[in-house]
Amino acid sequence: MRVMALLTLAAALSAGFNMQRRGAAGAPTVGYDLVKVYPHDPQAFTQGLVYLDGYLYEGTGLNGRSTLRKVKLENGEVLQIQKVDSQYFGEGIVVWKDRIVQLTWQAGLGFIYDRASFRRTGTFNYSGEGWGLTHDGTRIIMSDGSSSLRFLNPDTLKETGRLPVKDGATPVANLNELEFVKGAILANIWQTDRLARISPRTGQVMQWIDLRGLLDPRDAAHGVDVLNGIAYDAARDRLFVTGKLWPKLFEIRIKR
């Protein structure tokens, strides 16, 4: 009887494990087509990326090297720059109306800038770590490296709610840089070559985008860091991705 009980228990555990595995891999995976390659500053430790009105806005990290930048897409020229105080490690950014909001990693402090002048106009506080930012037109969406996203009031920058992110039944951790594209949240998953397409209503991963092979191995050999940075040109339906210390920025088209 003990043997039968153990076999029954093992079968139940195995079934549960297999269900969890199926849930973890529940969302389909698609690839990409490469559309165009642009230059990118290989000294930029990209933490946040936004495309708006013909320009890229980029937040970079590392203590003593963190910046906010306005960049010309076509040639990577930095047109405008604001340095972040050296004690802070810059993280994600979002453009909201005439303001740019930037997180820091572990200081619990965010910065607010005038979009035109890059003059710092204020600060705000939050608990835990700051990683990525985007918005859906009504709310700012923030990641903190966990498996949950936060919603912030765009005017007060106070937290209004959280959204657990899962693939099936499995939490998806290390949510990093964010971009809102066609009604869904795209998220870099830190230390991977994948993007998750997330439902802002349910938190479910609807699709994985596999970006392996994007960076040439010859470029990867020169001290680059991980994939990070998503920007969307809504007017022309163009999607851009890059990485930390990458010498190139890529326009891609997600396969169906």
C-alpha atoms as a PDB file:
ATOM      1  CA  MET A   1       0.000   0.000   0.000  1.00  0.00           C
ATOM      2  CA  ARG A   2       2.892   2.337   0.858  1.00  0.00           C
ATOM      3  CA  VAL A   3       4.409   1.742  -2.586  1.00  0.00           C
ATOM      4  CA  MET A   4       1.065   2.454  -4.264  1.00  0.00           C
ATOM      5  CA  ALA A   5       0.610   5.598  -2.188  1.00  0.00           C
ATOM      6  CA  LEU A   6       4.081   6.805  -3.085  1.00  0.00           C
ATOM      7  CA  LEU A   7       3.470   6.091  -6.760  1.00  0.00           C
ATOM      8  CA  THR A   8       0.163   7.960  -6.597  1.00  0.00           C
ATOM      9  CA  LEU A   9       1.839  10.903  -4.861  1.00  0.00           C
ATOM     10  CA  ALA A  10       4.681  10.897  -7.417  1.00  0.00           C
ATOM     11  CA  ALA A  11       2.197  10.864 -10.278  1.00  0.00           C
ATOM     12  CA  ALA A  12       0.263  13.756  -8.748  1.00  0.00           C
ATOM     13  CA  LEU A  13       3.421  15.765  -8.218  1.00  0.00           C
ATOM     14  CA  SER A  14       4.567  15.001 -11.743  1.00  0.00           C
ATOM     15  CA  ALA A  15       1.220  16.078 -13.173  1.00  0.00           C
ATOM     16  CA  GLY A  16       1.345  19.286 -11.168  1.00  0.00           C
ATOM     17  CA  PHE A  17       4.900  19.960 -12.312  1.00  0.00           C
ATOM     18  CA  ASN A  18       3.974  19.351 -15.934  1.00  0.00           C
ATOM     19  CA  MET A  19       0.976  21.681 -15.628  1.00  0.00           C
ATOM     20  CA  GLN A  20       3.276  24.356 -14.184  1.00  0.00           C
ATOM     21  CA  ARG A  21       5.731  23.845 -17.037  1.00  0.00           C
ATOM     22  CA  ARG A  22       2.937  24.120 -19.582  1.00  0.00           C
ATOM     23  CA  GLY A  23       1.761  27.294 -17.878  1.00  0.00           C
ATOM     24  CA  ALA A  24       5.288  28.729 -17.834  1.00  0.00           C
ATOM     25  CA  ALA A  25       5.595  28.134 -21.551  1.00  0.00           C
ATOM     26  CA  GLY A  26       1.993  28.895 -22.329  1.00  0.00           C
ATOM     27  CA  ALA A  27       2.412  32.021 -24.421  1.00  0.00           C
ATOM     28  CA  PRO A  28       3.600  31.460 -28.003  1.00  0.00           C
ATOM     29  CA  THR A  29       7.035  32.610 -29.100  1.00  0.00           C
ATOM     30  CA  VAL A  30       7.659  34.520 -32.324  1.00  0.00           C
ATOM     31  CA  GLY A  31      10.736  35.899 -34.018  1.00  0.00           C
ATOM     32  CA  TYR A  32      11.479  39.151 -35.801  1.00  0.00           C
ATOM     33  CA  ASP A  33      12.528  40.606 -39.115  1.00  0.00           C
ATOM     34  CA  LEU A  34      15.353  43.129 -39.174  1.00  0.00           C
ATOM     35  CA  VAL A  35      14.303  46.306 -40.968  1.00  0.00           C
ATOM     36  CA  LYS A  36      17.180  48.729 -40.438  1.00  0.00           C
ATOM     37  CA  VAL A  37      20.298  49.300 -38.340  1.00  0.00           C
ATOM     38  CA  TYR A  38      21.249  52.642 -36.795  1.00  0.00           C
ATOM     39  CA  PRO A  39      24.346  53.722 -34.852  1.00  0.00           C
ATOM     40  CA  HIS A  40      24.129  53.863 -31.055  1.00  0.00           C
ATOM     41  CA  ASP A  41      26.571  55.311 -28.533  1.00  0.00           C
ATOM     42  CA  PRO A  42      28.561  52.310 -27.205  1.00  0.00           C
ATOM     43  CA  GLN A  43      29.171  54.250 -23.975  1.00  0.00           C
ATOM     44  CA  ALA A  44      25.432  54.553 -23.278  1.00  0.00           C
ATOM     45  CA  PHE A  45      24.274  52.095 -20.612  1.00  0.00           C
ATOM     46  CA  THR A  46      20.693  52.201 -21.878  1.00  0.00           C
ATOM     47  CA  GLN A  47      18.021  52.035 -19.196  1.00  0.00           C
ATOM     48  CA  GLY A  48      15.107  53.840 -20.834  1.00  0.00           C
ATOM     49  CA  LEU A  49      14.227  54.648 -24.442  1.00  0.00           C
ATOM     50  CA  VAL A  50      11.398  56.692 -25.990  1.00  0.00           C
ATOM     51  CA  TYR A  51      10.738  57.830 -29.571  1.00  0.00           C
ATOM     52  CA  LEU A  52       8.719  61.023 -29.936  1.00  0.00           C
ATOM     53  CA  ASP A  53       8.358  63.732 -32.588  1.00  0.00           C
ATOM     54  CA  GLY A  54      11.292  62.526 -34.644  1.00  0.00           C
ATOM     55  CA  TYR A  55      13.816  62.035 -31.836  1.00  0.00           C
ATOM     56  CA  LEU A  56      14.915  59.414 -29.368  1.00  0.00           C
ATOM     57  CA  TYR A  57      14.956  60.238 -25.678  1.00  0.00           C
ATOM     58  CA  GLU A  58      17.292  57.998 -23.720  1.00  0.00           C
ATOM     59  CA  GLY A  59      18.034  57.471 -20.044  1.00  0.00           C
ATOM     60  CA  THR A  60      21.383  55.883 -19.212  1.00  0.00           C
ATOM     61  CA  GLY A  61      22.751  54.318 -16.059  1.00  0.00           C
ATOM     62  CA  LEU A  62      25.859  53.606 -13.947  1.00  0.00           C
ATOM     63  CA  ASN A  63      27.017  55.811 -11.117  1.00  0.00           C
ATOM     64  CA  GLY A  64      28.921  58.787 -12.453  1.00  0.00           C
ATOM     65  CA  ARG A  65      27.766  58.090 -16.028  1.00  0.00           C
ATOM     66  CA  SER A  66      23.986  58.374 -15.798  1.00  0.00           C
ATOM     67  CA  THR A  67      22.334  60.855 -18.159  1.00  0.00           C
ATOM     68  CA  LEU A  68      19.166  61.983 -19.859  1.00  0.00           C
ATOM     69  CA  ARG A  69      19.641  62.474 -23.604  1.00  0.00           C
ATOM     70  CA  LYS A  70      17.922  63.613 -26.765  1.00  0.00           C
ATOM     71  CA  VAL A  71      19.353  61.696 -29.705  1.00  0.00           C
ATOM     72  CA  LYS A  72      19.091  61.931 -33.478  1.00  0.00           C
ATOM     73  CA  LEU A  73      17.929  58.534 -34.663  1.00  0.00           C
ATOM     74  CA  GLU A  74      19.608  58.561 -38.071  1.00  0.00           C
ATOM     75  CA  ASN A  75      23.194  58.984 -36.871  1.00  0.00           C
ATOM     76  CA  GLY A  76      23.117  58.550 -33.080  1.00  0.00           C
ATOM     77  CA  GLU A  77      24.182  62.152 -32.469  1.00  0.00           C
ATOM     78  CA  VAL A  78      23.466  63.344 -28.931  1.00  0.00           C
ATOM     79  CA  LEU A  79      21.682  66.663 -29.404  1.00  0.00           C
ATOM     80  CA  GLN A  80      20.970  67.432 -25.754  1.00  0.00           C
ATOM     81  CA  ILE A  81      22.192  65.941 -22.481  1.00  0.00           C
ATOM     82  CA  GLN A  82      21.582  66.335 -18.776  1.00  0.00           C
ATOM     83  CA  LYS A  83      23.928  64.554 -16.386  1.00  0.00           C
ATOM     84  CA  VAL A  84      22.574  62.848 -13.287  1.00  0.00           C
ATOM     85  CA  ASP A  85      24.381  63.438  -9.995  1.00  0.00           C
ATOM     86  CA  SER A  86      27.078  60.788  -9.579  1.00  0.00           C
ATOM     87  CA  GLN A  87      25.551  59.222  -6.465  1.00  0.00           C
ATOM     88  CA  TYR A  88      22.530  58.126  -8.495  1.00  0.00           C
ATOM     89  CA  PHE A  89      22.221  55.222 -10.920  1.00  0.00           C
ATOM     90  CA  GLY A  90      19.808  56.342 -13.642  1.00  0.00           C
ATOM     91  CA  GLU A  91      17.057  54.017 -14.814  1.00  0.00           C
ATOM     92  CA  GLY A  92      13.942  54.133 -17.011  1.00  0.00           C
ATOM     93  CA  ILE A  93      12.310  57.241 -18.462  1.00  0.00           C
ATOM     94  CA  VAL A  94       8.902  58.277 -19.751  1.00  0.00           C
ATOM     95  CA  VAL A  95       7.769  61.405 -21.558  1.00  0.00           C
ATOM     96  CA  TRP A  96       4.466  62.727 -20.233  1.00  0.00           C
ATOM     97  CA  LYS A  97       3.219  65.915 -21.915  1.00  0.00           C
ATOM     98  CA  ASP A  98       5.887  68.579 -21.333  1.00  0.00           C
ATOM     99  CA  ARG A  99       7.758  66.552 -18.709  1.00  0.00           C
ATOM    100  CA  ILE A 100      10.287  63.750 -18.703  1.00  0.00           C
ATOM    101  CA  VAL A 101      10.302  61.455 -15.683  1.00  0.00           C
ATOM    102  CA  GLN A 102      13.382  59.405 -14.792  1.00  0.00           C
ATOM    103  CA  LEU A 103      13.832  56.701 -12.162  1.00  0.00           C
ATOM    104  CA  THR A 104      16.928  55.785 -10.199  1.00  0.00           C
ATOM    105  CA  TRP A 105      17.826  52.243  -9.287  1.00  0.00           C
ATOM    106  CA  GLN A 106      18.043  51.914  -5.508  1.00  0.00           C
ATOM    107  CA  ALA A 107      17.744  55.454  -4.145  1.00  0.00           C
ATOM    108  CA  GLY A 108      13.934  55.510  -4.126  1.00  0.00           C
ATOM    109  CA  LEU A 109      14.142  58.881  -5.858  1.00  0.00           C
ATOM    110  CA  GLY A 110      12.895  59.963  -9.271  1.00  0.00           C
ATOM    111  CA  PHE A 111      13.604  63.137 -11.234  1.00  0.00           C
ATOM    112  CA  ILE A 112      11.241  65.345 -13.231  1.00  0.00           C
ATOM    113  CA  TYR A 113      12.574  67.445 -16.130  1.00  0.00           C
ATOM    114  CA  ASP A 114      11.193  70.050 -18.464  1.00  0.00           C
ATOM    115  CA  ARG A 115      11.077  68.274 -21.807  1.00  0.00           C
ATOM    116  CA  ALA A 116      12.273  71.241 -23.874  1.00  0.00           C
ATOM    117  CA  SER A 117      15.156  72.477 -21.725  1.00  0.00           C
ATOM    118  CA  PHE A 118      16.030  69.310 -19.743  1.00  0.00           C
ATOM    119  CA  ARG A 119      16.011  71.524 -16.658  1.00  0.00           C
ATOM    120  CA  ARG A 120      15.206  69.526 -13.541  1.00  0.00           C
ATOM    121  CA  THR A 121      11.934  70.823 -12.103  1.00  0.00           C
ATOM    122  CA  GLY A 122      11.252  68.377  -9.291  1.00  0.00           C
ATOM    123  CA  THR A 123      11.727  65.022  -7.624  1.00  0.00           C
ATOM    124  CA  PHE A 124       9.465  62.298  -6.250  1.00  0.00           C
ATOM    125  CA  ASN A 125       9.839  59.250  -4.032  1.00  0.00           C
ATOM    126  CA  TYR A 126       8.817  55.604  -4.310  1.00  0.00           C
ATOM    127  CA  SER A 127       9.463  52.430  -2.359  1.00  0.00           C
ATOM    128  CA  GLY A 128      11.791  49.694  -3.571  1.00  0.00           C
ATOM    129  CA  GLU A 129      13.810  49.803  -6.767  1.00  0.00           C
ATOM    130  CA  GLY A 130      13.156  51.694  -9.986  1.00  0.00           C
ATOM    131  CA  TRP A 131      13.684  49.946 -13.342  1.00  0.00           C
ATOM    132  CA  GLY A 132      11.464  50.826 -16.325  1.00  0.00           C
ATOM    133  CA  LEU A 133       8.732  53.301 -17.279  1.00  0.00           C
ATOM    134  CA  THR A 134       6.105  53.778 -19.974  1.00  0.00           C
ATOM    135  CA  HIS A 135       2.506  55.030 -20.153  1.00  0.00           C
ATOM    136  CA  ASP A 136      -0.795  53.924 -21.660  1.00  0.00           C
ATOM    137  CA  GLY A 137      -2.226  57.385 -22.236  1.00  0.00           C
ATOM    138  CA  THR A 138      -3.817  57.651 -18.812  1.00  0.00           C
ATOM    139  CA  ARG A 139      -1.402  55.967 -16.398  1.00  0.00           C
ATOM    140  CA  ILE A 140       2.345  55.739 -16.009  1.00  0.00           C
ATOM    141  CA  ILE A 141       3.474  52.110 -15.780  1.00  0.00           C
ATOM    142  CA  MET A 142       6.586  51.249 -13.764  1.00  0.00           C
ATOM    143  CA  SER A 143       8.677  48.110 -13.301  1.00  0.00           C
ATOM    144  CA  ASP A 144      10.867  47.393 -10.294  1.00  0.00           C
ATOM    145  CA  GLY A 145      12.632  44.163 -11.290  1.00  0.00           C
ATOM    146  CA  SER A 146       9.956  41.973  -9.739  1.00  0.00           C
ATOM    147  CA  SER A 147       7.084  40.101 -11.380  1.00  0.00           C
ATOM    148  CA  SER A 148       4.652  42.985 -10.817  1.00  0.00           C
ATOM    149  CA  LEU A 149       4.097  46.281 -12.591  1.00  0.00           C
ATOM    150  CA  ARG A 150       3.008  49.436 -10.789  1.00  0.00           C
ATOM    151  CA  PHE A 151       0.592  52.080 -11.990  1.00  0.00           C
ATOM    152  CA  LEU A 152       1.323  55.711 -11.131  1.00  0.00           C
ATOM    153  CA  ASN A 153      -0.840  58.800 -11.342  1.00  0.00           C
ATOM    154  CA  PRO A 154       0.932  60.813 -14.091  1.00  0.00           C
ATOM    155  CA  ASP A 155       0.306  64.129 -12.363  1.00  0.00           C
ATOM    156  CA  THR A 156       1.222  63.241  -8.771  1.00  0.00           C
ATOM    157  CA  LEU A 157       3.453  60.208  -9.524  1.00  0.00           C
ATOM    158  CA  LYS A 158       1.823  58.421  -6.599  1.00  0.00           C
ATOM    159  CA  GLU A 159       1.219  54.685  -6.894  1.00  0.00           C
ATOM    160  CA  THR A 160      -2.393  53.749  -7.649  1.00  0.00           C
ATOM    161  CA  GLY A 161      -2.164  49.982  -8.094  1.00  0.00           C
ATOM    162  CA  ARG A 162      -0.136  46.940  -9.096  1.00  0.00           C
ATOM    163  CA  LEU A 163      -0.459  44.257 -11.756  1.00  0.00           C
ATOM    164  CA  PRO A 164       1.080  40.789 -11.253  1.00  0.00           C
ATOM    165  CA  VAL A 165       2.555  39.484 -14.509  1.00  0.00           C
ATOM    166  CA  LYS A 166       2.350  35.768 -15.288  1.00  0.00           C
ATOM    167  CA  ASP A 167       2.837  33.358 -18.145  1.00  0.00           C
ATOM    168  CA  GLY A 168       0.040  30.943 -17.436  1.00  0.00           C
ATOM    169  CA  ALA A 169       0.349  30.350 -13.698  1.00  0.00           C
ATOM    170  CA  THR A 170       4.036  31.242 -13.469  1.00  0.00           C
ATOM    171  CA  PRO A 171       5.152  34.718 -12.317  1.00  0.00           C
ATOM    172  CA  VAL A 172       7.505  36.473 -14.746  1.00  0.00           C
ATOM    173  CA  ALA A 173      10.301  38.155 -12.801  1.00  0.00           C
ATOM    174  CA  ASN A 174      12.954  40.671 -13.857  1.00  0.00           C
ATOM    175  CA  LEU A 175      10.567  42.923 -15.787  1.00  0.00           C
ATOM    176  CA  ASN A 176      12.779  45.761 -16.973  1.00  0.00           C
ATOM    177  CA  GLU A 177      12.474  48.427 -19.697  1.00  0.00           C
ATOM    178  CA  LEU A 178       8.907  48.993 -20.881  1.00  0.00           C
ATOM    179  CA  GLU A 179       7.047  50.327 -23.914  1.00  0.00           C
ATOM    180  CA  PHE A 180       3.317  50.545 -24.582  1.00  0.00           C
ATOM    181  CA  VAL A 181       2.612  49.356 -28.129  1.00  0.00           C
ATOM    182  CA  LYS A 182      -0.817  48.889 -29.720  1.00  0.00           C
ATOM    183  CA  GLY A 183      -2.672  48.298 -26.480  1.00  0.00           C
ATOM    184  CA  ALA A 184      -0.094  45.999 -24.869  1.00  0.00           C
ATOM    185  CA  ILE A 185       2.957  46.411 -22.664  1.00  0.00           C
ATOM    186  CA  LEU A 186       6.272  45.248 -24.102  1.00  0.00           C
ATOM    187  CA  ALA A 187       8.861  44.422 -21.457  1.00  0.00           C
ATOM    188  CA  ASN A 188      12.500  43.495 -21.606  1.00  0.00           C
ATOM    189  CA  ILE A 189      13.222  40.525 -19.348  1.00  0.00           C
ATOM    190  CA  TRP A 190      16.561  41.308 -17.698  1.00  0.00           C
ATOM    191  CA  GLN A 191      19.482  39.092 -18.729  1.00  0.00           C
ATOM    192  CA  THR A 192      17.553  37.477 -21.563  1.00  0.00           C
ATOM    193  CA  ASP A 193      17.100  38.135 -25.280  1.00  0.00           C
ATOM    194  CA  ARG A 194      13.305  38.052 -24.970  1.00  0.00           C
ATOM    195  CA  LEU A 195      10.535  40.597 -24.843  1.00  0.00           C
ATOM    196  CA  ALA A 196       7.192  39.826 -23.224  1.00  0.00           C
ATOM    197  CA  ARG A 197       3.961  41.213 -24.663  1.00  0.00           C
ATOM    198  CA  ILE A 198       1.727  41.704 -21.632  1.00  0.00           C
ATOM    199  CA  SER A 199      -1.992  42.396 -21.300  1.00  0.00           C
ATOM    200  CA  PRO A 200      -2.412  45.587 -19.238  1.00  0.00           C
ATOM    201  CA  ARG A 201      -5.795  44.286 -18.082  1.00  0.00           C
ATOM    202  CA  THR A 202      -4.936  40.763 -16.902  1.00  0.00           C
ATOM    203  CA  GLY A 203      -1.154  40.801 -16.559  1.00  0.00           C
ATOM    204  CA  GLN A 204      -0.916  37.661 -18.698  1.00  0.00           C
ATOM    205  CA  VAL A 205       1.966  37.294 -21.140  1.00  0.00           C
ATOM    206  CA  MET A 206       0.277  36.999 -24.514  1.00  0.00           C
ATOM    207  CA  GLN A 207       3.425  36.496 -26.591  1.00  0.00           C
ATOM    208  CA  TRP A 208       7.169  36.133 -26.275  1.00  0.00           C
ATOM    209  CA  ILE A 209       9.431  37.801 -28.847  1.00  0.00           C
ATOM    210  CA  ASP A 210      12.777  36.043 -29.295  1.00  0.00           C
ATOM    211  CA  LEU A 211      15.491  38.532 -30.271  1.00  0.00           C
ATOM    212  CA  ARG A 212      18.440  36.159 -30.278  1.00  0.00           C
ATOM    213  CA  GLY A 213      20.967  36.857 -33.022  1.00  0.00           C
ATOM    214  CA  LEU A 214      20.165  40.556 -33.203  1.00  0.00           C
ATOM    215  CA  LEU A 215      23.634  41.747 -32.244  1.00  0.00           C
ATOM    216  CA  ASP A 216      26.525  40.569 -34.407  1.00  0.00           C
ATOM    217  CA  PRO A 217      28.970  38.391 -32.392  1.00  0.00           C
ATOM    218  CA  ARG A 218      31.780  40.750 -33.437  1.00  0.00           C
ATOM    219  CA  ASP A 219      29.945  43.608 -31.730  1.00  0.00           C
ATOM    220  CA  ALA A 220      29.068  41.455 -28.734  1.00  0.00           C
ATOM    221  CA  ALA A 221      32.753  40.769 -28.181  1.00  0.00           C
ATOM    222  CA  HIS A 222      33.444  44.395 -27.247  1.00  0.00           C
ATOM    223  CA  GLY A 223      32.138  44.480 -23.682  1.00  0.00           C
ATOM    224  CA  VAL A 224      28.440  44.940 -24.377  1.00  0.00           C
ATOM    225  CA  ASP A 225      25.841  44.283 -21.708  1.00  0.00           C
ATOM    226  CA  VAL A 226      22.309  42.907 -21.996  1.00  0.00           C
ATOM    227  CA  LEU A 227      19.444  43.736 -24.337  1.00  0.00           C
ATOM    228  CA  ASN A 228      17.546  46.705 -22.902  1.00  0.00           C
ATOM    229  CA  GLY A 229      15.678  49.533 -24.569  1.00  0.00           C
ATOM    230  CA  ILE A 230      12.403  49.574 -26.508  1.00  0.00           C
ATOM    231  CA  ALA A 231      10.976  52.573 -28.360  1.00  0.00           C
ATOM    232  CA  TYR A 232       7.943  52.814 -30.627  1.00  0.00           C
ATOM    233  CA  ASP A 233       7.191  55.318 -33.371  1.00  0.00           C
ATOM    234  CA  ALA A 234       3.394  55.225 -33.398  1.00  0.00           C
ATOM    235  CA  ALA A 235       3.064  57.581 -36.367  1.00  0.00           C
ATOM    236  CA  ARG A 236       5.055  55.292 -38.666  1.00  0.00           C
ATOM    237  CA  ASP A 237       4.566  51.995 -36.841  1.00  0.00           C
ATOM    238  CA  ARG A 238       8.275  51.451 -36.234  1.00  0.00           C
ATOM    239  CA  LEU A 239       9.721  49.474 -33.316  1.00  0.00           C
ATOM    240  CA  PHE A 240      13.290  50.071 -32.115  1.00  0.00           C
ATOM    241  CA  VAL A 241      15.390  48.010 -29.708  1.00  0.00           C
ATOM    242  CA  THR A 242      18.932  48.252 -28.397  1.00  0.00           C
ATOM    243  CA  GLY A 243      20.996  47.243 -25.377  1.00  0.00           C
ATOM    244  CA  LYS A 244      23.324  48.500 -22.697  1.00  0.00           C
ATOM    245  CA  LEU A 245      26.627  49.591 -24.272  1.00  0.00           C
ATOM    246  CA  TRP A 246      25.474  48.356 -27.674  1.00  0.00           C
ATOM    247  CA  PRO A 247      27.030  50.103 -30.680  1.00  0.00           C
ATOM    248  CA  LYS A 248      23.861  49.669 -32.729  1.00  0.00           C
ATOM    249  CA  LEU A 249      20.131  50.292 -32.476  1.00  0.00           C
ATOM    250  CA  PHE A 250      17.768  48.125 -34.505  1.00  0.00           C
ATOM    251  CA  GLU A 251      14.445  48.714 -36.182  1.00  0.00           C
ATOM    252  CA  ILE A 252      12.595  45.401 -36.183  1.00  0.00           C
ATOM    253  CA  ARG A 253       9.258  43.996 -37.246  1.00  0.00           C
ATOM    254  CA  ILE A 254       7.718  41.352 -35.033  1.00  0.00           C
ATOM    255  CA  LYS A 255       6.668  38.238 -36.918  1.00  0.00           C
ATOM    256  CA  ARG A 256       3.075  37.078 -36.645  1.00  0.00           C
END
